[in-house]
Amino acid sequence: VAKRDIPVVQACCLIFAGIYILLNLSA
């Protein structure tokens, strides 16, 4: 975010969202 490296920010956010959804499904 500090470097405005937008593709990396998008990838990190998407991975965090995917993990959260998957763990909620597992619960």
mmCIF file of all heavy atoms, coordinates in Angstrom:
data_MODEL
# 
_entry.id   MODEL 
# 
loop_
_atom_site.group_PDB 
_atom_site.id 
_atom_site.type_symbol 
_atom_site.label_atom_id 
_atom_site.label_alt_id 
_atom_site.label_comp_id 
_atom_site.label_asym_id 
_atom_site.label_entity_id 
_atom_site.label_seq_id 
_atom_site.pdbx_PDB_ins_code 
_atom_site.Cartn_x 
_atom_site.Cartn_y 
_atom_site.Cartn_z 
_atom_site.occupancy 
_atom_site.B_iso_or_equiv 
_atom_site.pdbx_formal_charge 
_atom_site.auth_seq_id 
_atom_site.auth_comp_id 
_atom_site.auth_asym_id 
_atom_site.auth_atom_id 
_atom_site.pdbx_PDB_model_num 
ATOM 1   N N   . VAL A 1 1  ? 0.845   -1.200  0.000  1.00 0.00 ? 1  VAL A N   1 
ATOM 2   C CA  . VAL A 1 1  ? 0.000   0.000   0.000  1.00 0.00 ? 1  VAL A CA  1 
ATOM 3   C C   . VAL A 1 1  ? 0.878   1.247   0.000  1.00 0.00 ? 1  VAL A C   1 
ATOM 4   O O   . VAL A 1 1  ? 0.615   2.212   -0.731 1.00 0.00 ? 1  VAL A O   1 
ATOM 5   C CB  . VAL A 1 1  ? -0.938  -0.005  1.226  1.00 0.00 ? 1  VAL A CB  1 
ATOM 6   C CG1 . VAL A 1 1  ? -1.625  1.346   1.369  1.00 0.00 ? 1  VAL A CG1 1 
ATOM 7   C CG2 . VAL A 1 1  ? -1.980  -1.113  1.097  1.00 0.00 ? 1  VAL A CG2 1 
ATOM 8   N N   . ALA A 1 2  ? 1.940   1.233   0.812  1.00 0.00 ? 2  ALA A N   1 
ATOM 9   C CA  . ALA A 1 2  ? 2.839   2.388   0.874  1.00 0.00 ? 2  ALA A CA  1 
ATOM 10  C C   . ALA A 1 2  ? 3.543   2.631   -0.464 1.00 0.00 ? 2  ALA A C   1 
ATOM 11  O O   . ALA A 1 2  ? 3.804   3.776   -0.843 1.00 0.00 ? 2  ALA A O   1 
ATOM 12  C CB  . ALA A 1 2  ? 3.874   2.180   1.982  1.00 0.00 ? 2  ALA A CB  1 
ATOM 13  N N   . LYS A 1 3  ? 3.829   1.544   -1.194 1.00 0.00 ? 3  LYS A N   1 
ATOM 14  C CA  . LYS A 1 3  ? 4.526   1.669   -2.478 1.00 0.00 ? 3  LYS A CA  1 
ATOM 15  C C   . LYS A 1 3  ? 3.568   1.803   -3.657 1.00 0.00 ? 3  LYS A C   1 
ATOM 16  O O   . LYS A 1 3  ? 4.016   1.872   -4.807 1.00 0.00 ? 3  LYS A O   1 
ATOM 17  C CB  . LYS A 1 3  ? 5.418   0.446   -2.707 1.00 0.00 ? 3  LYS A CB  1 
ATOM 18  C CG  . LYS A 1 3  ? 6.516   0.272   -1.669 1.00 0.00 ? 3  LYS A CG  1 
ATOM 19  C CD  . LYS A 1 3  ? 7.257   -1.038  -1.880 1.00 0.00 ? 3  LYS A CD  1 
ATOM 20  C CE  . LYS A 1 3  ? 8.306   -1.274  -0.814 1.00 0.00 ? 3  LYS A CE  1 
ATOM 21  N NZ  . LYS A 1 3  ? 8.970   -2.597  -0.970 1.00 0.00 ? 3  LYS A NZ  1 
ATOM 22  N N   . ARG A 1 4  ? 2.261   1.769   -3.365 1.00 0.00 ? 4  ARG A N   1 
ATOM 23  C CA  . ARG A 1 4  ? 1.227   1.786   -4.411 1.00 0.00 ? 4  ARG A CA  1 
ATOM 24  C C   . ARG A 1 4  ? 1.392   0.604   -5.363 1.00 0.00 ? 4  ARG A C   1 
ATOM 25  O O   . ARG A 1 4  ? 1.169   0.719   -6.566 1.00 0.00 ? 4  ARG A O   1 
ATOM 26  C CB  . ARG A 1 4  ? 1.265   3.102   -5.194 1.00 0.00 ? 4  ARG A CB  1 
ATOM 27  C CG  . ARG A 1 4  ? 0.891   4.313   -4.398 1.00 0.00 ? 4  ARG A CG  1 
ATOM 28  C CD  . ARG A 1 4  ? -0.501  4.236   -3.808 1.00 0.00 ? 4  ARG A CD  1 
ATOM 29  N NE  . ARG A 1 4  ? -1.521  4.223   -4.840 1.00 0.00 ? 4  ARG A NE  1 
ATOM 30  C CZ  . ARG A 1 4  ? -2.115  5.318   -5.301 1.00 0.00 ? 4  ARG A CZ  1 
ATOM 31  N NH1 . ARG A 1 4  ? -1.776  6.500   -4.817 1.00 0.00 ? 4  ARG A NH1 1 
ATOM 32  N NH2 . ARG A 1 4  ? -3.047  5.247   -6.224 1.00 0.00 ? 4  ARG A NH2 1 
ATOM 33  N N   . ASP A 1 5  ? 1.790   -0.535  -4.794 1.00 0.00 ? 5  ASP A N   1 
ATOM 34  C CA  . ASP A 1 5  ? 1.927   -1.757  -5.585 1.00 0.00 ? 5  ASP A CA  1 
ATOM 35  C C   . ASP A 1 5  ? 0.549   -2.436  -5.625 1.00 0.00 ? 5  ASP A C   1 
ATOM 36  O O   . ASP A 1 5  ? 0.288   -3.420  -4.914 1.00 0.00 ? 5  ASP A O   1 
ATOM 37  C CB  . ASP A 1 5  ? 2.980   -2.676  -4.956 1.00 0.00 ? 5  ASP A CB  1 
ATOM 38  C CG  . ASP A 1 5  ? 3.476   -3.735  -5.929 1.00 0.00 ? 5  ASP A CG  1 
ATOM 39  O OD1 . ASP A 1 5  ? 2.847   -3.904  -6.984 1.00 0.00 ? 5  ASP A OD1 1 
ATOM 40  O OD2 . ASP A 1 5  ? 4.502   -4.381  -5.634 1.00 0.00 ? 5  ASP A OD2 1 
ATOM 41  N N   . ILE A 1 6  ? -0.313  -1.908  -6.463 1.00 0.00 ? 6  ILE A N   1 
ATOM 42  C CA  . ILE A 1 6  ? -1.728  -2.278  -6.456 1.00 0.00 ? 6  ILE A CA  1 
ATOM 43  C C   . ILE A 1 6  ? -1.981  -3.767  -6.729 1.00 0.00 ? 6  ILE A C   1 
ATOM 44  O O   . ILE A 1 6  ? -2.804  -4.390  -6.047 1.00 0.00 ? 6  ILE A O   1 
ATOM 45  C CB  . ILE A 1 6  ? -2.511  -1.410  -7.458 1.00 0.00 ? 6  ILE A CB  1 
ATOM 46  C CG1 . ILE A 1 6  ? -2.361  0.068   -7.095 1.00 0.00 ? 6  ILE A CG1 1 
ATOM 47  C CG2 . ILE A 1 6  ? -3.969  -1.808  -7.481 1.00 0.00 ? 6  ILE A CG2 1 
ATOM 48  C CD1 . ILE A 1 6  ? -2.743  0.405   -5.679 1.00 0.00 ? 6  ILE A CD1 1 
ATOM 49  N N   . PRO A 1 7  ? -1.309  -4.398  -7.687 1.00 0.00 ? 7  PRO A N   1 
ATOM 50  C CA  . PRO A 1 7  ? -1.574  -5.828  -7.914 1.00 0.00 ? 7  PRO A CA  1 
ATOM 51  C C   . PRO A 1 7  ? -1.310  -6.695  -6.681 1.00 0.00 ? 7  PRO A C   1 
ATOM 52  O O   . PRO A 1 7  ? -2.046  -7.652  -6.421 1.00 0.00 ? 7  PRO A O   1 
ATOM 53  C CB  . PRO A 1 7  ? -0.611  -6.186  -9.056 1.00 0.00 ? 7  PRO A CB  1 
ATOM 54  C CG  . PRO A 1 7  ? -0.364  -4.895  -9.773 1.00 0.00 ? 7  PRO A CG  1 
ATOM 55  C CD  . PRO A 1 7  ? -0.376  -3.851  -8.707 1.00 0.00 ? 7  PRO A CD  1 
ATOM 56  N N   . VAL A 1 8  ? -0.284  -6.356  -5.910 1.00 0.00 ? 8  VAL A N   1 
ATOM 57  C CA  . VAL A 1 8  ? 0.014   -7.121  -4.691 1.00 0.00 ? 8  VAL A CA  1 
ATOM 58  C C   . VAL A 1 8  ? -1.073  -6.885  -3.645 1.00 0.00 ? 8  VAL A C   1 
ATOM 59  O O   . VAL A 1 8  ? -1.504  -7.820  -2.956 1.00 0.00 ? 8  VAL A O   1 
ATOM 60  C CB  . VAL A 1 8  ? 1.403   -6.751  -4.135 1.00 0.00 ? 8  VAL A CB  1 
ATOM 61  C CG1 . VAL A 1 8  ? 1.676   -7.504  -2.838 1.00 0.00 ? 8  VAL A CG1 1 
ATOM 62  C CG2 . VAL A 1 8  ? 2.478   -7.069  -5.156 1.00 0.00 ? 8  VAL A CG2 1 
ATOM 63  N N   . VAL A 1 9  ? -1.522  -5.651  -3.504 1.00 0.00 ? 9  VAL A N   1 
ATOM 64  C CA  . VAL A 1 9  ? -2.586  -5.342  -2.541 1.00 0.00 ? 9  VAL A CA  1 
ATOM 65  C C   . VAL A 1 9  ? -3.857  -6.110  -2.890 1.00 0.00 ? 9  VAL A C   1 
ATOM 66  O O   . VAL A 1 9  ? -4.519  -6.691  -2.020 1.00 0.00 ? 9  VAL A O   1 
ATOM 67  C CB  . VAL A 1 9  ? -2.874  -3.826  -2.521 1.00 0.00 ? 9  VAL A CB  1 
ATOM 68  C CG1 . VAL A 1 9  ? -4.033  -3.514  -1.586 1.00 0.00 ? 9  VAL A CG1 1 
ATOM 69  C CG2 . VAL A 1 9  ? -1.632  -3.055  -2.084 1.00 0.00 ? 9  VAL A CG2 1 
ATOM 70  N N   . GLN A 1 10 ? -4.205  -6.128  -4.172 1.00 0.00 ? 10 GLN A N   1 
ATOM 71  C CA  . GLN A 1 10 ? -5.399  -6.860  -4.599 1.00 0.00 ? 10 GLN A CA  1 
ATOM 72  C C   . GLN A 1 10 ? -5.270  -8.354  -4.284 1.00 0.00 ? 10 GLN A C   1 
ATOM 73  O O   . GLN A 1 10 ? -6.218  -8.974  -3.790 1.00 0.00 ? 10 GLN A O   1 
ATOM 74  C CB  . GLN A 1 10 ? -5.610  -6.668  -6.096 1.00 0.00 ? 10 GLN A CB  1 
ATOM 75  C CG  . GLN A 1 10 ? -6.067  -5.274  -6.492 1.00 0.00 ? 10 GLN A CG  1 
ATOM 76  C CD  . GLN A 1 10 ? -6.158  -5.113  -7.992 1.00 0.00 ? 10 GLN A CD  1 
ATOM 77  O OE1 . GLN A 1 10 ? -5.321  -5.595  -8.740 1.00 0.00 ? 10 GLN A OE1 1 
ATOM 78  N NE2 . GLN A 1 10 ? -7.187  -4.412  -8.458 1.00 0.00 ? 10 GLN A NE2 1 
ATOM 79  N N   . ALA A 1 11 ? -4.117  -8.923  -4.552 1.00 0.00 ? 11 ALA A N   1 
ATOM 80  C CA  . ALA A 1 11 ? -3.909  -10.348 -4.307 1.00 0.00 ? 11 ALA A CA  1 
ATOM 81  C C   . ALA A 1 11 ? -3.997  -10.666 -2.825 1.00 0.00 ? 11 ALA A C   1 
ATOM 82  O O   . ALA A 1 11 ? -4.638  -11.656 -2.419 1.00 0.00 ? 11 ALA A O   1 
ATOM 83  C CB  . ALA A 1 11 ? -2.554  -10.774 -4.870 1.00 0.00 ? 11 ALA A CB  1 
ATOM 84  N N   . CYS A 1 12 ? -3.383  -9.828  -1.974 1.00 0.00 ? 12 CYS A N   1 
ATOM 85  C CA  . CYS A 1 12 ? -3.419  -10.061 -0.525 1.00 0.00 ? 12 CYS A CA  1 
ATOM 86  C C   . CYS A 1 12 ? -4.845  -9.983  0.005  1.00 0.00 ? 12 CYS A C   1 
ATOM 87  O O   . CYS A 1 12 ? -5.272  -10.841 0.792  1.00 0.00 ? 12 CYS A O   1 
ATOM 88  C CB  . CYS A 1 12 ? -2.533  -9.045  0.191  1.00 0.00 ? 12 CYS A CB  1 
ATOM 89  S SG  . CYS A 1 12 ? -0.756  -9.247  -0.072 1.00 0.00 ? 12 CYS A SG  1 
ATOM 90  N N   . CYS A 1 13 ? -5.578  -8.958  -0.411 1.00 0.00 ? 13 CYS A N   1 
ATOM 91  C CA  . CYS A 1 13 ? -6.964  -8.808  0.046  1.00 0.00 ? 13 CYS A CA  1 
ATOM 92  C C   . CYS A 1 13 ? -7.820  -9.999  -0.377 1.00 0.00 ? 13 CYS A C   1 
ATOM 93  O O   . CYS A 1 13 ? -8.640  -10.496 0.410  1.00 0.00 ? 13 CYS A O   1 
ATOM 94  C CB  . CYS A 1 13 ? -7.554  -7.514  -0.510 1.00 0.00 ? 13 CYS A CB  1 
ATOM 95  S SG  . CYS A 1 13 ? -6.834  -6.003  0.165  1.00 0.00 ? 13 CYS A SG  1 
ATOM 96  N N   . LEU A 1 14 ? -7.625  -10.463 -1.597 1.00 0.00 ? 14 LEU A N   1 
ATOM 97  C CA  . LEU A 1 14 ? -8.420  -11.582 -2.094 1.00 0.00 ? 14 LEU A CA  1 
ATOM 98  C C   . LEU A 1 14 ? -8.099  -12.863 -1.343 1.00 0.00 ? 14 LEU A C   1 
ATOM 99  O O   . LEU A 1 14 ? -8.999  -13.653 -1.029 1.00 0.00 ? 14 LEU A O   1 
ATOM 100 C CB  . LEU A 1 14 ? -8.170  -11.764 -3.599 1.00 0.00 ? 14 LEU A CB  1 
ATOM 101 C CG  . LEU A 1 14 ? -9.187  -12.623 -4.350 1.00 0.00 ? 14 LEU A CG  1 
ATOM 102 C CD1 . LEU A 1 14 ? -10.569 -11.988 -4.296 1.00 0.00 ? 14 LEU A CD1 1 
ATOM 103 C CD2 . LEU A 1 14 ? -8.760  -12.815 -5.802 1.00 0.00 ? 14 LEU A CD2 1 
ATOM 104 N N   . ILE A 1 15 ? -6.830  -13.074 -1.025 1.00 0.00 ? 15 ILE A N   1 
ATOM 105 C CA  . ILE A 1 15 ? -6.440  -14.267 -0.277 1.00 0.00 ? 15 ILE A CA  1 
ATOM 106 C C   . ILE A 1 15 ? -7.011  -14.223 1.133  1.00 0.00 ? 15 ILE A C   1 
ATOM 107 O O   . ILE A 1 15 ? -7.539  -15.224 1.644  1.00 0.00 ? 15 ILE A O   1 
ATOM 108 C CB  . ILE A 1 15 ? -4.913  -14.402 -0.257 1.00 0.00 ? 15 ILE A CB  1 
ATOM 109 C CG1 . ILE A 1 15 ? -4.410  -14.832 -1.636 1.00 0.00 ? 15 ILE A CG1 1 
ATOM 110 C CG2 . ILE A 1 15 ? -4.460  -15.420 0.790  1.00 0.00 ? 15 ILE A CG2 1 
ATOM 111 C CD1 . ILE A 1 15 ? -2.915  -14.899 -1.750 1.00 0.00 ? 15 ILE A CD1 1 
ATOM 112 N N   . PHE A 1 16 ? -6.917  -13.068 1.795  1.00 0.00 ? 16 PHE A N   1 
ATOM 113 C CA  . PHE A 1 16 ? -7.485  -12.935 3.134  1.00 0.00 ? 16 PHE A CA  1 
ATOM 114 C C   . PHE A 1 16 ? -8.992  -13.217 3.111  1.00 0.00 ? 16 PHE A C   1 
ATOM 115 O O   . PHE A 1 16 ? -9.514  -13.914 3.987  1.00 0.00 ? 16 PHE A O   1 
ATOM 116 C CB  . PHE A 1 16 ? -7.229  -11.523 3.675  1.00 0.00 ? 16 PHE A CB  1 
ATOM 117 C CG  . PHE A 1 16 ? -5.857  -11.333 4.256  1.00 0.00 ? 16 PHE A CG  1 
ATOM 118 C CD1 . PHE A 1 16 ? -5.159  -10.157 4.035  1.00 0.00 ? 16 PHE A CD1 1 
ATOM 119 C CD2 . PHE A 1 16 ? -5.273  -12.315 5.032  1.00 0.00 ? 16 PHE A CD2 1 
ATOM 120 C CE1 . PHE A 1 16 ? -3.894  -9.973  4.577  1.00 0.00 ? 16 PHE A CE1 1 
ATOM 121 C CE2 . PHE A 1 16 ? -4.006  -12.143 5.571  1.00 0.00 ? 16 PHE A CE2 1 
ATOM 122 C CZ  . PHE A 1 16 ? -3.321  -10.975 5.348  1.00 0.00 ? 16 PHE A CZ  1 
ATOM 123 N N   . ALA A 1 17 ? -9.695  -12.677 2.124  1.00 0.00 ? 17 ALA A N   1 
ATOM 124 C CA  . ALA A 1 17 ? -11.138 -12.896 2.016  1.00 0.00 ? 17 ALA A CA  1 
ATOM 125 C C   . ALA A 1 17 ? -11.455 -14.369 1.782  1.00 0.00 ? 17 ALA A C   1 
ATOM 126 O O   . ALA A 1 17 ? -12.377 -14.920 2.390  1.00 0.00 ? 17 ALA A O   1 
ATOM 127 C CB  . ALA A 1 17 ? -11.710 -12.044 0.887  1.00 0.00 ? 17 ALA A CB  1 
ATOM 128 N N   . GLY A 1 18 ? -10.692 -15.010 0.895  1.00 0.00 ? 18 GLY A N   1 
ATOM 129 C CA  . GLY A 1 18 ? -10.918 -16.427 0.607  1.00 0.00 ? 18 GLY A CA  1 
ATOM 130 C C   . GLY A 1 18 ? -10.707 -17.306 1.834  1.00 0.00 ? 18 GLY A C   1 
ATOM 131 O O   . GLY A 1 18 ? -11.496 -18.228 2.096  1.00 0.00 ? 18 GLY A O   1 
ATOM 132 N N   . ILE A 1 19 ? -9.668  -17.017 2.605  1.00 0.00 ? 19 ILE A N   1 
ATOM 133 C CA  . ILE A 1 19 ? -9.397  -17.799 3.817  1.00 0.00 ? 19 ILE A CA  1 
ATOM 134 C C   . ILE A 1 19 ? -10.513 -17.619 4.827  1.00 0.00 ? 19 ILE A C   1 
ATOM 135 O O   . ILE A 1 19 ? -10.973 -18.583 5.459  1.00 0.00 ? 19 ILE A O   1 
ATOM 136 C CB  . ILE A 1 19 ? -8.041  -17.389 4.421  1.00 0.00 ? 19 ILE A CB  1 
ATOM 137 C CG1 . ILE A 1 19 ? -6.903  -17.795 3.485  1.00 0.00 ? 19 ILE A CG1 1 
ATOM 138 C CG2 . ILE A 1 19 ? -7.841  -18.027 5.787  1.00 0.00 ? 19 ILE A CG2 1 
ATOM 139 C CD1 . ILE A 1 19 ? -5.559  -17.252 3.901  1.00 0.00 ? 19 ILE A CD1 1 
ATOM 140 N N   . TYR A 1 20 ? -10.956 -16.378 4.997  1.00 0.00 ? 20 TYR A N   1 
ATOM 141 C CA  . TYR A 1 20 ? -12.020 -16.112 5.972  1.00 0.00 ? 20 TYR A CA  1 
ATOM 142 C C   . TYR A 1 20 ? -13.315 -16.831 5.589  1.00 0.00 ? 20 TYR A C   1 
ATOM 143 O O   . TYR A 1 20 ? -13.983 -17.431 6.437  1.00 0.00 ? 20 TYR A O   1 
ATOM 144 C CB  . TYR A 1 20 ? -12.267 -14.613 6.068  1.00 0.00 ? 20 TYR A CB  1 
ATOM 145 C CG  . TYR A 1 20 ? -13.062 -14.211 7.286  1.00 0.00 ? 20 TYR A CG  1 
ATOM 146 C CD1 . TYR A 1 20 ? -12.438 -14.004 8.505  1.00 0.00 ? 20 TYR A CD1 1 
ATOM 147 C CD2 . TYR A 1 20 ? -14.447 -14.047 7.213  1.00 0.00 ? 20 TYR A CD2 1 
ATOM 148 C CE1 . TYR A 1 20 ? -13.162 -13.652 9.626  1.00 0.00 ? 20 TYR A CE1 1 
ATOM 149 C CE2 . TYR A 1 20 ? -15.181 -13.694 8.326  1.00 0.00 ? 20 TYR A CE2 1 
ATOM 150 C CZ  . TYR A 1 20 ? -14.535 -13.484 9.535  1.00 0.00 ? 20 TYR A CZ  1 
ATOM 151 O OH  . TYR A 1 20 ? -15.258 -13.146 10.646 1.00 0.00 ? 20 TYR A OH  1 
ATOM 152 N N   . ILE A 1 21 ? -13.669 -16.788 4.317  1.00 0.00 ? 21 ILE A N   1 
ATOM 153 C CA  . ILE A 1 21 ? -14.882 -17.475 3.853  1.00 0.00 ? 21 ILE A CA  1 
ATOM 154 C C   . ILE A 1 21 ? -14.747 -18.984 4.035  1.00 0.00 ? 21 ILE A C   1 
ATOM 155 O O   . ILE A 1 21 ? -15.682 -19.666 4.483  1.00 0.00 ? 21 ILE A O   1 
ATOM 156 C CB  . ILE A 1 21 ? -15.155 -17.122 2.380  1.00 0.00 ? 21 ILE A CB  1 
ATOM 157 C CG1 . ILE A 1 21 ? -15.570 -15.661 2.261  1.00 0.00 ? 21 ILE A CG1 1 
ATOM 158 C CG2 . ILE A 1 21 ? -16.234 -18.025 1.786  1.00 0.00 ? 21 ILE A CG2 1 
ATOM 159 C CD1 . ILE A 1 21 ? -15.661 -15.163 0.833  1.00 0.00 ? 21 ILE A CD1 1 
ATOM 160 N N   . LEU A 1 22 ? -13.577 -19.542 3.705  1.00 0.00 ? 22 LEU A N   1 
ATOM 161 C CA  . LEU A 1 22 ? -13.364 -20.975 3.819  1.00 0.00 ? 22 LEU A CA  1 
ATOM 162 C C   . LEU A 1 22 ? -13.451 -21.444 5.266  1.00 0.00 ? 22 LEU A C   1 
ATOM 163 O O   . LEU A 1 22 ? -14.060 -22.485 5.560  1.00 0.00 ? 22 LEU A O   1 
ATOM 164 C CB  . LEU A 1 22 ? -11.999 -21.343 3.219  1.00 0.00 ? 22 LEU A CB  1 
ATOM 165 C CG  . LEU A 1 22 ? -11.643 -22.833 3.194  1.00 0.00 ? 22 LEU A CG  1 
ATOM 166 C CD1 . LEU A 1 22 ? -12.644 -23.606 2.348  1.00 0.00 ? 22 LEU A CD1 1 
ATOM 167 C CD2 . LEU A 1 22 ? -10.224 -23.035 2.664  1.00 0.00 ? 22 LEU A CD2 1 
ATOM 168 N N   . LEU A 1 23 ? -12.865 -20.688 6.185  1.00 0.00 ? 23 LEU A N   1 
ATOM 169 C CA  . LEU A 1 23 ? -12.907 -21.073 7.596  1.00 0.00 ? 23 LEU A CA  1 
ATOM 170 C C   . LEU A 1 23 ? -14.311 -20.926 8.164  1.00 0.00 ? 23 LEU A C   1 
ATOM 171 O O   . LEU A 1 23 ? -14.717 -21.714 9.027  1.00 0.00 ? 23 LEU A O   1 
ATOM 172 C CB  . LEU A 1 23 ? -11.903 -20.252 8.400  1.00 0.00 ? 23 LEU A CB  1 
ATOM 173 C CG  . LEU A 1 23 ? -10.439 -20.638 8.177  1.00 0.00 ? 23 LEU A CG  1 
ATOM 174 C CD1 . LEU A 1 23 ? -9.501  -19.684 8.900  1.00 0.00 ? 23 LEU A CD1 1 
ATOM 175 C CD2 . LEU A 1 23 ? -10.175 -22.068 8.647  1.00 0.00 ? 23 LEU A CD2 1 
ATOM 176 N N   . ASN A 1 24 ? -15.059 -19.936 7.700  1.00 0.00 ? 24 ASN A N   1 
ATOM 177 C CA  . ASN A 1 24 ? -16.458 -19.830 8.128  1.00 0.00 ? 24 ASN A CA  1 
ATOM 178 C C   . ASN A 1 24 ? -17.275 -21.014 7.631  1.00 0.00 ? 24 ASN A C   1 
ATOM 179 O O   . ASN A 1 24 ? -18.124 -21.553 8.357  1.00 0.00 ? 24 ASN A O   1 
ATOM 180 C CB  . ASN A 1 24 ? -17.058 -18.522 7.608  1.00 0.00 ? 24 ASN A CB  1 
ATOM 181 C CG  . ASN A 1 24 ? -16.851 -17.362 8.551  1.00 0.00 ? 24 ASN A CG  1 
ATOM 182 O OD1 . ASN A 1 24 ? -17.629 -17.153 9.469  1.00 0.00 ? 24 ASN A OD1 1 
ATOM 183 N ND2 . ASN A 1 24 ? -15.787 -16.630 8.329  1.00 0.00 ? 24 ASN A ND2 1 
ATOM 184 N N   . LEU A 1 25 ? -17.022 -21.449 6.394  1.00 0.00 ? 25 LEU A N   1 
ATOM 185 C CA  . LEU A 1 25 ? -17.691 -22.627 5.854  1.00 0.00 ? 25 LEU A CA  1 
ATOM 186 C C   . LEU A 1 25 ? -17.334 -23.857 6.673  1.00 0.00 ? 25 LEU A C   1 
ATOM 187 O O   . LEU A 1 25 ? -18.207 -24.670 7.015  1.00 0.00 ? 25 LEU A O   1 
ATOM 188 C CB  . LEU A 1 25 ? -17.289 -22.824 4.395  1.00 0.00 ? 25 LEU A CB  1 
ATOM 189 C CG  . LEU A 1 25 ? -17.712 -24.144 3.739  1.00 0.00 ? 25 LEU A CG  1 
ATOM 190 C CD1 . LEU A 1 25 ? -19.228 -24.235 3.655  1.00 0.00 ? 25 LEU A CD1 1 
ATOM 191 C CD2 . LEU A 1 25 ? -17.095 -24.285 2.362  1.00 0.00 ? 25 LEU A CD2 1 
ATOM 192 N N   . SER A 1 26 ? -16.058 -23.995 7.005  1.00 0.00 ? 26 SER A N   1 
ATOM 193 C CA  . SER A 1 26 ? -15.615 -25.130 7.817  1.00 0.00 ? 26 SER A CA  1 
ATOM 194 C C   . SER A 1 26 ? -16.293 -25.126 9.183  1.00 0.00 ? 26 SER A C   1 
ATOM 195 O O   . SER A 1 26 ? -16.654 -26.189 9.711  1.00 0.00 ? 26 SER A O   1 
ATOM 196 C CB  . SER A 1 26 ? -14.093 -25.092 7.982  1.00 0.00 ? 26 SER A CB  1 
ATOM 197 O OG  . SER A 1 26 ? -13.442 -25.114 6.725  1.00 0.00 ? 26 SER A OG  1 
ATOM 198 N N   . ALA A 1 27 ? -16.463 -23.936 9.769  1.00 0.00 ? 27 ALA A N   1 
ATOM 199 C CA  . ALA A 1 27 ? -17.121 -23.834 11.074 1.00 0.00 ? 27 ALA A CA  1 
ATOM 200 C C   . ALA A 1 27 ? -18.555 -24.344 10.997 1.00 0.00 ? 27 ALA A C   1 
ATOM 201 O O   . ALA A 1 27 ? -19.006 -25.102 11.857 1.00 0.00 ? 27 ALA A O   1 
ATOM 202 C CB  . ALA A 1 27 ? -17.095 -22.385 11.553 1.00 0.00 ? 27 ALA A CB  1 
# 
